[in-house]
Amino acid sequence: MKIIIDTHIFLWAISDNSKLKKKQCQALQTLSNTIYLSSISVTELMIKSSIGKLTINFDPIAIAKESGFTLLDYNADDACALKDLPFHHKDPFDRMLISQAINRKYKIMTADNKFSDYDCQLFKT
């Protein structure tokens, strides 16, 4: 299974996995799954750190690789999927993750209920 993890799932996985549901933990540890950390999540972390909303005192790329996650670049085809995406969710980072998941036909793991308003494949817990 190919799964893009939402930014908060990444943070929970590397710092406090007690916030993850059992099925999420199992999926993240299943070697046959490819777990992706999108460049969009890295962007979100760096922007929120630069404006003081988050303290990021680690290298998210190194931590992602050490955790067995695969880095996923956001490309022009992913961006084009935004054109027809309804505005159920206003957060631009989440909208880009959704468009990326839809474009690539990957599942997305999130705790954000607003994602279910979209025609994307959610990792169900």
PDB file of N, CA and C in Angstrom:
ATOM      1  N   MET A   1       0.847  -1.171   0.000  1.00  0.00           N
ATOM      2  CA  MET A   1       0.000   0.000   0.000  1.00  0.00           C
ATOM      3  C   MET A   1       0.898   1.242   0.000  1.00  0.00           C
ATOM      4  N   LYS A   2       0.503   2.252  -0.741  1.00  0.00           N
ATOM      5  CA  LYS A   2       1.233   3.518  -0.781  1.00  0.00           C
ATOM      6  C   LYS A   2       0.429   4.554  -0.005  1.00  0.00           C
ATOM      7  N   ILE A   3       1.053   5.123   1.024  1.00  0.00           N
ATOM      8  CA  ILE A   3       0.355   6.019   1.943  1.00  0.00           C
ATOM      9  C   ILE A   3       1.150   7.308   2.128  1.00  0.00           C
ATOM     10  N   ILE A   4       0.500   8.440   1.878  1.00  0.00           N
ATOM     11  CA  ILE A   4       1.073   9.738   2.218  1.00  0.00           C
ATOM     12  C   ILE A   4       0.611  10.072   3.633  1.00  0.00           C
ATOM     13  N   ILE A   5       1.546  10.454   4.484  1.00  0.00           N
ATOM     14  CA  ILE A   5       1.151  10.810   5.852  1.00  0.00           C
ATOM     15  C   ILE A   5       1.017  12.325   5.965  1.00  0.00           C
ATOM     16  N   ASP A   6      -0.051  12.744   6.638  1.00  0.00           N
ATOM     17  CA  ASP A   6      -0.257  14.154   6.925  1.00  0.00           C
ATOM     18  C   ASP A   6       0.836  14.607   7.891  1.00  0.00           C
ATOM     19  N   THR A   7       1.084  15.892   7.920  1.00  0.00           N
ATOM     20  CA  THR A   7       2.181  16.446   8.707  1.00  0.00           C
ATOM     21  C   THR A   7       2.078  16.067  10.184  1.00  0.00           C
ATOM     22  N   HIS A   8       0.893  16.148  10.750  1.00  0.00           N
ATOM     23  CA  HIS A   8       0.758  15.816  12.181  1.00  0.00           C
ATOM     24  C   HIS A   8       1.015  14.329  12.432  1.00  0.00           C
ATOM     25  N   ILE A   9       0.684  13.476  11.481  1.00  0.00           N
ATOM     26  CA  ILE A   9       0.967  12.041  11.631  1.00  0.00           C
ATOM     27  C   ILE A   9       2.483  11.828  11.686  1.00  0.00           C
ATOM     28  N   PHE A  10       3.200  12.547  10.836  1.00  0.00           N
ATOM     29  CA  PHE A  10       4.665  12.465  10.860  1.00  0.00           C
ATOM     30  C   PHE A  10       5.192  12.879  12.233  1.00  0.00           C
ATOM     31  N   LEU A  11       4.720  14.015  12.733  1.00  0.00           N
ATOM     32  CA  LEU A  11       5.189  14.500  14.041  1.00  0.00           C
ATOM     33  C   LEU A  11       4.852  13.513  15.148  1.00  0.00           C
ATOM     34  N   TRP A  12       3.650  12.953  15.117  1.00  0.00           N
ATOM     35  CA  TRP A  12       3.267  11.973  16.129  1.00  0.00           C
ATOM     36  C   TRP A  12       4.137  10.721  16.017  1.00  0.00           C
ATOM     37  N   ALA A  13       4.398  10.280  14.796  1.00  0.00           N
ATOM     38  CA  ALA A  13       5.165   9.053  14.585  1.00  0.00           C
ATOM     39  C   ALA A  13       6.589   9.180  15.111  1.00  0.00           C
ATOM     40  N   ILE A  14       7.157  10.382  15.014  1.00  0.00           N
ATOM     41  CA  ILE A  14       8.556  10.538  15.439  1.00  0.00           C
ATOM     42  C   ILE A  14       8.707  11.022  16.875  1.00  0.00           C
ATOM     43  N   SER A  15       7.597  11.477  17.494  1.00  0.00           N
ATOM     44  CA  SER A  15       7.753  12.039  18.838  1.00  0.00           C
ATOM     45  C   SER A  15       6.835  11.424  19.881  1.00  0.00           C
ATOM     46  N   ASP A  16       5.596  11.155  19.526  1.00  0.00           N
ATOM     47  CA  ASP A  16       4.626  10.665  20.516  1.00  0.00           C
ATOM     48  C   ASP A  16       3.638   9.730  19.829  1.00  0.00           C
ATOM     49  N   ASN A  17       4.109   8.521  19.533  1.00  0.00           N
ATOM     50  CA  ASN A  17       3.241   7.615  18.778  1.00  0.00           C
ATOM     51  C   ASN A  17       2.039   7.109  19.578  1.00  0.00           C
ATOM     52  N   SER A  18       1.923   7.518  20.846  1.00  0.00           N
ATOM     53  CA  SER A  18       0.724   7.160  21.612  1.00  0.00           C
ATOM     54  C   SER A  18      -0.511   7.885  21.060  1.00  0.00           C
ATOM     55  N   LYS A  19      -0.291   8.948  20.285  1.00  0.00           N
ATOM     56  CA  LYS A  19      -1.403   9.668  19.664  1.00  0.00           C
ATOM     57  C   LYS A  19      -1.933   8.941  18.429  1.00  0.00           C
ATOM     58  N   LEU A  20      -1.158   7.997  17.920  1.00  0.00           N
ATOM     59  CA  LEU A  20      -1.582   7.232  16.743  1.00  0.00           C
ATOM     60  C   LEU A  20      -2.474   6.075  17.164  1.00  0.00           C
ATOM     61  N   LYS A  21      -3.414   5.748  16.313  1.00  0.00           N
ATOM     62  CA  LYS A  21      -4.252   4.582  16.555  1.00  0.00           C
ATOM     63  C   LYS A  21      -3.449   3.327  16.231  1.00  0.00           C
ATOM     64  N   LYS A  22      -3.859   2.224  16.823  1.00  0.00           N
ATOM     65  CA  LYS A  22      -3.139   0.959  16.658  1.00  0.00           C
ATOM     66  C   LYS A  22      -2.979   0.598  15.183  1.00  0.00           C
ATOM     67  N   LYS A  23      -4.031   0.757  14.408  1.00  0.00           N
ATOM     68  CA  LYS A  23      -3.986   0.412  12.988  1.00  0.00           C
ATOM     69  C   LYS A  23      -3.026   1.326  12.225  1.00  0.00           C
ATOM     70  N   GLN A  24      -2.935   2.581  12.635  1.00  0.00           N
ATOM     71  CA  GLN A  24      -1.984   3.503  12.009  1.00  0.00           C
ATOM     72  C   GLN A  24      -0.553   3.060  12.300  1.00  0.00           C
ATOM     73  N   CYS A  25      -0.264   2.735  13.549  1.00  0.00           N
ATOM     74  CA  CYS A  25       1.075   2.258  13.923  1.00  0.00           C
ATOM     75  C   CYS A  25       1.446   1.010  13.131  1.00  0.00           C
ATOM     76  N   GLN A  26       0.505   0.091  13.022  1.00  0.00           N
ATOM     77  CA  GLN A  26       0.774  -1.141  12.277  1.00  0.00           C
ATOM     78  C   GLN A  26       1.084  -0.841  10.818  1.00  0.00           C
ATOM     79  N   ALA A  27       0.311   0.057  10.202  1.00  0.00           N
ATOM     80  CA  ALA A  27       0.536   0.396   8.800  1.00  0.00           C
ATOM     81  C   ALA A  27       1.888   1.060   8.601  1.00  0.00           C
ATOM     82  N   LEU A  28       2.277   1.929   9.531  1.00  0.00           N
ATOM     83  CA  LEU A  28       3.556   2.619   9.439  1.00  0.00           C
ATOM     84  C   LEU A  28       4.731   1.655   9.584  1.00  0.00           C
ATOM     85  N   GLN A  29       4.517   0.539  10.283  1.00  0.00           N
ATOM     86  CA  GLN A  29       5.594  -0.417  10.527  1.00  0.00           C
ATOM     87  C   GLN A  29       5.589  -1.596   9.555  1.00  0.00           C
ATOM     88  N   THR A  30       4.550  -1.705   8.739  1.00  0.00           N
ATOM     89  CA  THR A  30       4.459  -2.814   7.792  1.00  0.00           C
ATOM     90  C   THR A  30       5.408  -2.559   6.627  1.00  0.00           C
ATOM     91  N   LEU A  31       6.383  -3.429   6.478  1.00  0.00           N
ATOM     92  CA  LEU A  31       7.432  -3.218   5.489  1.00  0.00           C
ATOM     93  C   LEU A  31       6.927  -3.248   4.047  1.00  0.00           C
ATOM     94  N   SER A  32       5.812  -3.915   3.801  1.00  0.00           N
ATOM     95  CA  SER A  32       5.289  -3.962   2.430  1.00  0.00           C
ATOM     96  C   SER A  32       4.593  -2.650   2.035  1.00  0.00           C
ATOM     97  N   ASN A  33       4.319  -1.773   3.001  1.00  0.00           N
ATOM     98  CA  ASN A  33       3.752  -0.451   2.716  1.00  0.00           C
ATOM     99  C   ASN A  33       4.876   0.531   2.401  1.00  0.00           C
ATOM    100  N   THR A  34       4.601   1.448   1.500  1.00  0.00           N
ATOM    101  CA  THR A  34       5.512   2.559   1.266  1.00  0.00           C
ATOM    102  C   THR A  34       4.868   3.783   1.913  1.00  0.00           C
ATOM    103  N   ILE A  35       5.540   4.328   2.902  1.00  0.00           N
ATOM    104  CA  ILE A  35       5.024   5.472   3.645  1.00  0.00           C
ATOM    105  C   ILE A  35       5.774   6.712   3.153  1.00  0.00           C
ATOM    106  N   TYR A  36       5.006   7.678   2.648  1.00  0.00           N
ATOM    107  CA  TYR A  36       5.589   8.868   2.058  1.00  0.00           C
ATOM    108  C   TYR A  36       5.435  10.078   2.974  1.00  0.00           C
ATOM    109  N   LEU A  37       6.526  10.831   3.100  1.00  0.00           N
ATOM    110  CA  LEU A  37       6.480  12.163   3.678  1.00  0.00           C
ATOM    111  C   LEU A  37       6.623  13.113   2.506  1.00  0.00           C
ATOM    112  N   SER A  38       5.584  13.883   2.250  1.00  0.00           N
ATOM    113  CA  SER A  38       5.577  14.801   1.124  1.00  0.00           C
ATOM    114  C   SER A  38       6.457  16.020   1.389  1.00  0.00           C
ATOM    115  N   SER A  39       7.029  16.545   0.318  1.00  0.00           N
ATOM    116  CA  SER A  39       7.779  17.800   0.419  1.00  0.00           C
ATOM    117  C   SER A  39       6.871  18.922   0.916  1.00  0.00           C
ATOM    118  N   ILE A  40       5.572  18.774   0.741  1.00  0.00           N
ATOM    119  CA  ILE A  40       4.609  19.749   1.255  1.00  0.00           C
ATOM    120  C   ILE A  40       4.656  19.769   2.781  1.00  0.00           C
ATOM    121  N   SER A  41       4.759  18.618   3.406  1.00  0.00           N
ATOM    122  CA  SER A  41       4.840  18.569   4.875  1.00  0.00           C
ATOM    123  C   SER A  41       6.129  19.193   5.372  1.00  0.00           C
ATOM    124  N   VAL A  42       7.223  18.947   4.668  1.00  0.00           N
ATOM    125  CA  VAL A  42       8.491  19.569   5.052  1.00  0.00           C
ATOM    126  C   VAL A  42       8.367  21.089   4.928  1.00  0.00           C
ATOM    127  N   THR A  43       7.742  21.546   3.851  1.00  0.00           N
ATOM    128  CA  THR A  43       7.512  22.982   3.657  1.00  0.00           C
ATOM    129  C   THR A  43       6.683  23.558   4.799  1.00  0.00           C
ATOM    130  N   GLU A  44       5.608  22.867   5.149  1.00  0.00           N
ATOM    131  CA  GLU A  44       4.742  23.322   6.245  1.00  0.00           C
ATOM    132  C   GLU A  44       5.527  23.435   7.549  1.00  0.00           C
ATOM    133  N   LEU A  45       6.336  22.434   7.853  1.00  0.00           N
ATOM    134  CA  LEU A  45       7.125  22.462   9.081  1.00  0.00           C
ATOM    135  C   LEU A  45       8.099  23.637   9.100  1.00  0.00           C
ATOM    136  N   MET A  46       8.751  23.876   7.976  1.00  0.00           N
ATOM    137  CA  MET A  46       9.749  24.946   7.922  1.00  0.00           C
ATOM    138  C   MET A  46       9.093  26.325   8.002  1.00  0.00           C
ATOM    139  N   ILE A  47       7.951  26.496   7.340  1.00  0.00           N
ATOM    140  CA  ILE A  47       7.254  27.787   7.411  1.00  0.00           C
ATOM    141  C   ILE A  47       6.732  28.030   8.818  1.00  0.00           C
ATOM    142  N   LYS A  48       6.118  27.026   9.422  1.00  0.00           N
ATOM    143  CA  LYS A  48       5.591  27.202  10.775  1.00  0.00           C
ATOM    144  C   LYS A  48       6.703  27.421  11.790  1.00  0.00           C
ATOM    145  N   SER A  49       7.860  26.818  11.553  1.00  0.00           N
ATOM    146  CA  SER A  49       9.002  27.061  12.423  1.00  0.00           C
ATOM    147  C   SER A  49       9.499  28.497  12.260  1.00  0.00           C
ATOM    148  N   SER A  50       9.549  28.980  11.023  1.00  0.00           N
ATOM    149  CA  SER A  50      10.088  30.325  10.772  1.00  0.00           C
ATOM    150  C   SER A  50       9.208  31.433  11.345  1.00  0.00           C
ATOM    151  N   ILE A  51       7.903  31.146  11.515  1.00  0.00           N
ATOM    152  CA  ILE A  51       7.009  32.166  12.073  1.00  0.00           C
ATOM    153  C   ILE A  51       6.719  31.930  13.560  1.00  0.00           C
ATOM    154  N   GLY A  52       7.381  30.936  14.134  1.00  0.00           N
ATOM    155  CA  GLY A  52       7.261  30.702  15.571  1.00  0.00           C
ATOM    156  C   GLY A  52       6.067  29.867  15.995  1.00  0.00           C
ATOM    157  N   LYS A  53       5.361  29.230  15.058  1.00  0.00           N
ATOM    158  CA  LYS A  53       4.217  28.382  15.420  1.00  0.00           C
ATOM    159  C   LYS A  53       4.645  27.002  15.899  1.00  0.00           C
ATOM    160  N   LEU A  54       5.818  26.566  15.471  1.00  0.00           N
ATOM    161  CA  LEU A  54       6.364  25.264  15.855  1.00  0.00           C
ATOM    162  C   LEU A  54       7.852  25.427  16.135  1.00  0.00           C
ATOM    163  N   THR A  55       8.345  24.599  17.024  1.00  0.00           N
ATOM    164  CA  THR A  55       9.778  24.535  17.234  1.00  0.00           C
ATOM    165  C   THR A  55      10.279  23.275  16.547  1.00  0.00           C
ATOM    166  N   ILE A  56      11.096  23.453  15.532  1.00  0.00           N
ATOM    167  CA  ILE A  56      11.663  22.317  14.811  1.00  0.00           C
ATOM    168  C   ILE A  56      13.171  22.339  15.060  1.00  0.00           C
ATOM    169  N   ASN A  57      13.603  21.504  15.995  1.00  0.00           N
ATOM    170  CA  ASN A  57      15.019  21.445  16.347  1.00  0.00           C
ATOM    171  C   ASN A  57      15.634  20.130  15.874  1.00  0.00           C
ATOM    172  N   PHE A  58      15.145  19.665  14.723  1.00  0.00           N
ATOM    173  CA  PHE A  58      15.639  18.429  14.127  1.00  0.00           C
ATOM    174  C   PHE A  58      15.576  18.584  12.611  1.00  0.00           C
ATOM    175  N   ASP A  59      16.264  17.703  11.921  1.00  0.00           N
ATOM    176  CA  ASP A  59      16.245  17.698  10.467  1.00  0.00           C
ATOM    177  C   ASP A  59      15.136  16.741  10.017  1.00  0.00           C
ATOM    178  N   PRO A  60      14.012  17.274   9.510  1.00  0.00           N
ATOM    179  CA  PRO A  60      12.897  16.386   9.162  1.00  0.00           C
ATOM    180  C   PRO A  60      13.240  15.393   8.049  1.00  0.00           C
ATOM    181  N   ILE A  61      14.137  15.779   7.172  1.00  0.00           N
ATOM    182  CA  ILE A  61      14.522  14.865   6.089  1.00  0.00           C
ATOM    183  C   ILE A  61      15.308  13.683   6.658  1.00  0.00           C
ATOM    184  N   ALA A  62      16.283  13.972   7.508  1.00  0.00           N
ATOM    185  CA  ALA A  62      17.073  12.895   8.120  1.00  0.00           C
ATOM    186  C   ALA A  62      16.199  11.994   8.983  1.00  0.00           C
ATOM    187  N   ILE A  63      15.315  12.591   9.772  1.00  0.00           N
ATOM    188  CA  ILE A  63      14.430  11.810  10.646  1.00  0.00           C
ATOM    189  C   ILE A  63      13.488  10.938   9.809  1.00  0.00           C
ATOM    190  N   ALA A  64      12.960  11.497   8.717  1.00  0.00           N
ATOM    191  CA  ALA A  64      12.067  10.720   7.850  1.00  0.00           C
ATOM    192  C   ALA A  64      12.796   9.501   7.301  1.00  0.00           C
ATOM    193  N   LYS A  65      13.999   9.713   6.815  1.00  0.00           N
ATOM    194  CA  LYS A  65      14.775   8.596   6.259  1.00  0.00           C
ATOM    195  C   LYS A  65      15.107   7.568   7.337  1.00  0.00           C
ATOM    196  N   GLU A  66      15.516   8.037   8.517  1.00  0.00           N
ATOM    197  CA  GLU A  66      15.828   7.130   9.627  1.00  0.00           C
ATOM    198  C   GLU A  66      14.598   6.334  10.053  1.00  0.00           C
ATOM    199  N   SER A  67      13.419   6.933   9.902  1.00  0.00           N
ATOM    200  CA  SER A  67      12.169   6.281  10.295  1.00  0.00           C
ATOM    201  C   SER A  67      11.636   5.337   9.215  1.00  0.00           C
ATOM    202  N   GLY A  68      12.314   5.296   8.079  1.00  0.00           N
ATOM    203  CA  GLY A  68      11.890   4.401   7.006  1.00  0.00           C
ATOM    204  C   GLY A  68      10.877   5.010   6.060  1.00  0.00           C
ATOM    205  N   PHE A  69      10.636   6.309   6.170  1.00  0.00           N
ATOM    206  CA  PHE A  69       9.694   6.976   5.275  1.00  0.00           C
ATOM    207  C   PHE A  69      10.408   7.364   3.978  1.00  0.00           C
ATOM    208  N   THR A  70       9.633   7.407   2.910  1.00  0.00           N
ATOM    209  CA  THR A  70      10.151   7.799   1.607  1.00  0.00           C
ATOM    210  C   THR A  70       9.754   9.243   1.345  1.00  0.00           C
ATOM    211  N   LEU A  71      10.708  10.057   0.928  1.00  0.00           N
ATOM    212  CA  LEU A  71      10.401  11.450   0.612  1.00  0.00           C
ATOM    213  C   LEU A  71       9.701  11.510  -0.744  1.00  0.00           C
ATOM    214  N   LEU A  72       8.686  12.355  -0.826  1.00  0.00           N
ATOM    215  CA  LEU A  72       7.872  12.468  -2.033  1.00  0.00           C
ATOM    216  C   LEU A  72       7.821  13.914  -2.480  1.00  0.00           C
ATOM    217  N   ASP A  73       8.348  14.177  -3.666  1.00  0.00           N
ATOM    218  CA  ASP A  73       8.316  15.535  -4.203  1.00  0.00           C
ATOM    219  C   ASP A  73       6.925  15.867  -4.729  1.00  0.00           C
ATOM    220  N   TYR A  74       6.542  17.114  -4.564  1.00  0.00           N
ATOM    221  CA  TYR A  74       5.283  17.654  -5.102  1.00  0.00           C
ATOM    222  C   TYR A  74       5.611  18.202  -6.485  1.00  0.00           C
ATOM    223  N   ASN A  75       4.859  17.762  -7.505  1.00  0.00           N
ATOM    224  CA  ASN A  75       5.179  18.197  -8.862  1.00  0.00           C
ATOM    225  C   ASN A  75       4.026  18.943  -9.526  1.00  0.00           C
ATOM    226  N   ALA A  76       4.251  19.368 -10.749  1.00  0.00           N
ATOM    227  CA  ALA A  76       3.260  20.173 -11.471  1.00  0.00           C
ATOM    228  C   ALA A  76       1.953  19.412 -11.677  1.00  0.00           C
ATOM    229  N   ASP A  77       2.025  18.113 -11.925  1.00  0.00           N
ATOM    230  CA  ASP A  77       0.787  17.332 -12.086  1.00  0.00           C
ATOM    231  C   ASP A  77      -0.008  17.297 -10.786  1.00  0.00           C
ATOM    232  N   ASP A  78       0.693  17.198  -9.656  1.00  0.00           N
ATOM    233  CA  ASP A  78       0.017  17.243  -8.354  1.00  0.00           C
ATOM    234  C   ASP A  78      -0.688  18.581  -8.185  1.00  0.00           C
ATOM    235  N   ALA A  79      -0.011  19.657  -8.585  1.00  0.00           N
ATOM    236  CA  ALA A  79      -0.575  21.011  -8.456  1.00  0.00           C
ATOM    237  C   ALA A  79      -1.792  21.195  -9.352  1.00  0.00           C
ATOM    238  N   CYS A  80      -1.767  20.627 -10.542  1.00  0.00           N
ATOM    239  CA  CYS A  80      -2.905  20.789 -11.469  1.00  0.00           C
ATOM    240  C   CYS A  80      -4.189  20.194 -10.897  1.00  0.00           C
ATOM    241  N   ALA A  81      -4.062  19.196 -10.046  1.00  0.00           N
ATOM    242  CA  ALA A  81      -5.243  18.589  -9.417  1.00  0.00           C
ATOM    243  C   ALA A  81      -5.957  19.565  -8.490  1.00  0.00           C
ATOM    244  N   LEU A  82      -5.289  20.652  -8.095  1.00  0.00           N
ATOM    245  CA  LEU A  82      -5.914  21.669  -7.235  1.00  0.00           C
ATOM    246  C   LEU A  82      -7.034  22.421  -7.954  1.00  0.00           C
ATOM    247  N   LYS A  83      -6.952  22.510  -9.270  1.00  0.00           N
ATOM    248  CA  LYS A  83      -7.915  23.296 -10.052  1.00  0.00           C
ATOM    249  C   LYS A  83      -9.363  22.877  -9.781  1.00  0.00           C
ATOM    250  N   ASP A  84      -9.602  21.594  -9.696  1.00  0.00           N
ATOM    251  CA  ASP A  84     -10.964  21.088  -9.527  1.00  0.00           C
ATOM    252  C   ASP A  84     -11.278  20.676  -8.092  1.00  0.00           C
ATOM    253  N   LEU A  85     -10.388  20.983  -7.172  1.00  0.00           N
ATOM    254  CA  LEU A  85     -10.594  20.593  -5.779  1.00  0.00           C
ATOM    255  C   LEU A  85     -11.534  21.581  -5.093  1.00  0.00           C
ATOM    256  N   PRO A  86     -12.670  21.104  -4.582  1.00  0.00           N
ATOM    257  CA  PRO A  86     -13.587  22.020  -3.877  1.00  0.00           C
ATOM    258  C   PRO A  86     -12.937  22.595  -2.618  1.00  0.00           C
ATOM    259  N   PHE A  87     -13.450  23.715  -2.143  1.00  0.00           N
ATOM    260  CA  PHE A  87     -12.883  24.396  -0.980  1.00  0.00           C
ATOM    261  C   PHE A  87     -13.546  23.965   0.319  1.00  0.00           C
ATOM    262  N   HIS A  88     -13.619  22.656   0.555  1.00  0.00           N
ATOM    263  CA  HIS A  88     -14.109  22.162   1.842  1.00  0.00           C
ATOM    264  C   HIS A  88     -13.091  22.475   2.936  1.00  0.00           C
ATOM    265  N   HIS A  89     -11.835  22.470   2.549  1.00  0.00           N
ATOM    266  CA  HIS A  89     -10.730  22.683   3.486  1.00  0.00           C
ATOM    267  C   HIS A  89      -9.961  23.907   3.013  1.00  0.00           C
ATOM    268  N   LYS A  90      -9.705  24.828   3.917  1.00  0.00           N
ATOM    269  CA  LYS A  90      -9.042  26.084   3.554  1.00  0.00           C
ATOM    270  C   LYS A  90      -7.517  26.030   3.711  1.00  0.00           C
ATOM    271  N   ASP A  91      -7.003  25.083   4.486  1.00  0.00           N
ATOM    272  CA  ASP A  91      -5.565  25.009   4.727  1.00  0.00           C
ATOM    273  C   ASP A  91      -4.835  24.636   3.435  1.00  0.00           C
ATOM    274  N   PRO A  92      -3.959  25.518   2.938  1.00  0.00           N
ATOM    275  CA  PRO A  92      -3.303  25.244   1.648  1.00  0.00           C
ATOM    276  C   PRO A  92      -2.397  24.017   1.682  1.00  0.00           C
ATOM    277  N   PHE A  93      -1.756  23.745   2.815  1.00  0.00           N
ATOM    278  CA  PHE A  93      -0.890  22.572   2.894  1.00  0.00           C
ATOM    279  C   PHE A  93      -1.720  21.292   2.789  1.00  0.00           C
ATOM    280  N   ASP A  94      -2.837  21.250   3.496  1.00  0.00           N
ATOM    281  CA  ASP A  94      -3.708  20.080   3.429  1.00  0.00           C
ATOM    282  C   ASP A  94      -4.299  19.910   2.032  1.00  0.00           C
ATOM    283  N   ARG A  95      -4.672  21.008   1.405  1.00  0.00           N
ATOM    284  CA  ARG A  95      -5.215  20.934   0.045  1.00  0.00           C
ATOM    285  C   ARG A  95      -4.169  20.361  -0.926  1.00  0.00           C
ATOM    286  N   MET A  96      -2.924  20.754  -0.745  1.00  0.00           N
ATOM    287  CA  MET A  96      -1.869  20.229  -1.621  1.00  0.00           C
ATOM    288  C   MET A  96      -1.614  18.745  -1.354  1.00  0.00           C
ATOM    289  N   LEU A  97      -1.663  18.321  -0.089  1.00  0.00           N
ATOM    290  CA  LEU A  97      -1.517  16.895   0.212  1.00  0.00           C
ATOM    291  C   LEU A  97      -2.661  16.094  -0.395  1.00  0.00           C
ATOM    292  N   ILE A  98      -3.865  16.635  -0.308  1.00  0.00           N
ATOM    293  CA  ILE A  98      -5.039  15.968  -0.892  1.00  0.00           C
ATOM    294  C   ILE A  98      -4.885  15.867  -2.405  1.00  0.00           C
ATOM    295  N   SER A  99      -4.481  16.964  -3.050  1.00  0.00           N
ATOM    296  CA  SER A  99      -4.324  16.933  -4.511  1.00  0.00           C
ATOM    297  C   SER A  99      -3.239  15.941  -4.913  1.00  0.00           C
ATOM    298  N   GLN A 100      -2.188  15.854  -4.127  1.00  0.00           N
ATOM    299  CA  GLN A 100      -1.114  14.906  -4.419  1.00  0.00           C
ATOM    300  C   GLN A 100      -1.614  13.463  -4.288  1.00  0.00           C
ATOM    301  N   ALA A 101      -2.365  13.189  -3.240  1.00  0.00           N
ATOM    302  CA  ALA A 101      -2.909  11.843  -3.040  1.00  0.00           C
ATOM    303  C   ALA A 101      -3.877  11.464  -4.161  1.00  0.00           C
ATOM    304  N   ILE A 102      -4.721  12.413  -4.559  1.00  0.00           N
ATOM    305  CA  ILE A 102      -5.677  12.144  -5.633  1.00  0.00           C
ATOM    306  C   ILE A 102      -4.936  11.903  -6.952  1.00  0.00           C
ATOM    307  N   ASN A 103      -3.994  12.777  -7.269  1.00  0.00           N
ATOM    308  CA  ASN A 103      -3.261  12.664  -8.528  1.00  0.00           C
ATOM    309  C   ASN A 103      -2.504  11.344  -8.628  1.00  0.00           C
ATOM    310  N   ARG A 104      -1.916  10.917  -7.543  1.00  0.00           N
ATOM    311  CA  ARG A 104      -1.084   9.707  -7.575  1.00  0.00           C
ATOM    312  C   ARG A 104      -1.856   8.441  -7.224  1.00  0.00           C
ATOM    313  N   LYS A 105      -3.114   8.626  -6.794  1.00  0.00           N
ATOM    314  CA  LYS A 105      -3.956   7.499  -6.379  1.00  0.00           C
ATOM    315  C   LYS A 105      -3.351   6.741  -5.182  1.00  0.00           C
ATOM    316  N   TYR A 106      -2.789   7.515  -4.255  1.00  0.00           N
ATOM    317  CA  TYR A 106      -2.252   6.974  -3.006  1.00  0.00           C
ATOM    318  C   TYR A 106      -3.262   7.235  -1.904  1.00  0.00           C
ATOM    319  N   LYS A 107      -3.196   6.429  -0.878  1.00  0.00           N
ATOM    320  CA  LYS A 107      -4.002   6.690   0.312  1.00  0.00           C
ATOM    321  C   LYS A 107      -3.337   7.805   1.113  1.00  0.00           C
ATOM    322  N   ILE A 108      -4.131   8.448   1.951  1.00  0.00           N
ATOM    323  CA  ILE A 108      -3.576   9.472   2.839  1.00  0.00           C
ATOM    324  C   ILE A 108      -3.993   9.154   4.271  1.00  0.00           C
ATOM    325  N   MET A 109      -3.030   9.248   5.182  1.00  0.00           N
ATOM    326  CA  MET A 109      -3.279   8.984   6.599  1.00  0.00           C
ATOM    327  C   MET A 109      -3.326  10.318   7.329  1.00  0.00           C
ATOM    328  N   THR A 110      -4.455  10.580   7.967  1.00  0.00           N
ATOM    329  CA  THR A 110      -4.655  11.832   8.682  1.00  0.00           C
ATOM    330  C   THR A 110      -5.654  11.614   9.811  1.00  0.00           C
ATOM    331  N   ALA A 111      -5.650  12.522  10.765  1.00  0.00           N
ATOM    332  CA  ALA A 111      -6.678  12.552  11.807  1.00  0.00           C
ATOM    333  C   ALA A 111      -7.655  13.698  11.546  1.00  0.00           C
ATOM    334  N   ASP A 112      -7.466  14.380  10.431  1.00  0.00           N
ATOM    335  CA  ASP A 112      -8.294  15.535  10.067  1.00  0.00           C
ATOM    336  C   ASP A 112      -9.575  15.059   9.363  1.00  0.00           C
ATOM    337  N   ASN A 113     -10.708  15.245  10.012  1.00  0.00           N
ATOM    338  CA  ASN A 113     -11.987  14.781   9.471  1.00  0.00           C
ATOM    339  C   ASN A 113     -12.386  15.468   8.167  1.00  0.00           C
ATOM    340  N   LYS A 114     -11.872  16.663   7.915  1.00  0.00           N
ATOM    341  CA  LYS A 114     -12.227  17.396   6.697  1.00  0.00           C
ATOM    342  C   LYS A 114     -11.750  16.682   5.430  1.00  0.00           C
ATOM    343  N   PHE A 115     -10.742  15.829   5.557  1.00  0.00           N
ATOM    344  CA  PHE A 115     -10.245  15.109   4.389  1.00  0.00           C
ATOM    345  C   PHE A 115     -11.314  14.193   3.799  1.00  0.00           C
ATOM    346  N   SER A 116     -12.233  13.731   4.642  1.00  0.00           N
ATOM    347  CA  SER A 116     -13.275  12.813   4.160  1.00  0.00           C
ATOM    348  C   SER A 116     -14.272  13.498   3.228  1.00  0.00           C
ATOM    349  N   ASP A 117     -14.248  14.832   3.160  1.00  0.00           N
ATOM    350  CA  ASP A 117     -15.115  15.563   2.238  1.00  0.00           C
ATOM    351  C   ASP A 117     -14.602  15.510   0.804  1.00  0.00           C
ATOM    352  N   TYR A 118     -13.422  14.950   0.607  1.00  0.00           N
ATOM    353  CA  TYR A 118     -12.804  14.904  -0.711  1.00  0.00           C
ATOM    354  C   TYR A 118     -12.821  13.486  -1.284  1.00  0.00           C
ATOM    355  N   ASP A 119     -12.650  13.444  -2.582  1.00  0.00           N
ATOM    356  CA  ASP A 119     -12.628  12.178  -3.297  1.00  0.00           C
ATOM    357  C   ASP A 119     -11.204  11.613  -3.307  1.00  0.00           C
ATOM    358  N   CYS A 120     -10.642  11.467  -2.109  1.00  0.00           N
ATOM    359  CA  CYS A 120      -9.322  10.876  -2.000  1.00  0.00           C
ATOM    360  C   CYS A 120      -9.455   9.596  -1.191  1.00  0.00           C
ATOM    361  N   GLN A 121      -8.485   8.730  -1.351  1.00  0.00           N
ATOM    362  CA  GLN A 121      -8.499   7.454  -0.622  1.00  0.00           C
ATOM    363  C   GLN A 121      -7.874   7.664   0.751  1.00  0.00           C
ATOM    364  N   LEU A 122      -8.681   7.550   1.760  1.00  0.00           N
ATOM    365  CA  LEU A 122      -8.191   7.720   3.132  1.00  0.00           C
ATOM    366  C   LEU A 122      -7.754   6.379   3.695  1.00  0.00           C
ATOM    367  N   PHE A 123      -6.701   6.399   4.489  1.00  0.00           N
ATOM    368  CA  PHE A 123      -6.328   5.215   5.258  1.00  0.00           C
ATOM    369  C   PHE A 123      -7.317   5.138   6.413  1.00  0.00           C
ATOM    370  N   LYS A 124      -8.138   4.137   6.403  1.00  0.00           N
ATOM    371  CA  LYS A 124      -9.201   3.988   7.425  1.00  0.00           C
ATOM    372  C   LYS A 124      -8.678   3.294   8.657  1.00  0.00           C
ATOM    373  N   THR A 125      -9.057   3.851   9.810  1.00  0.00           N
ATOM    374  CA  THR A 125      -8.633   3.223  11.084  1.00  0.00           C
ATOM    375  C   THR A 125      -9.800   2.562  11.768  1.00  0.00           C
TER     376      THR A 125
END
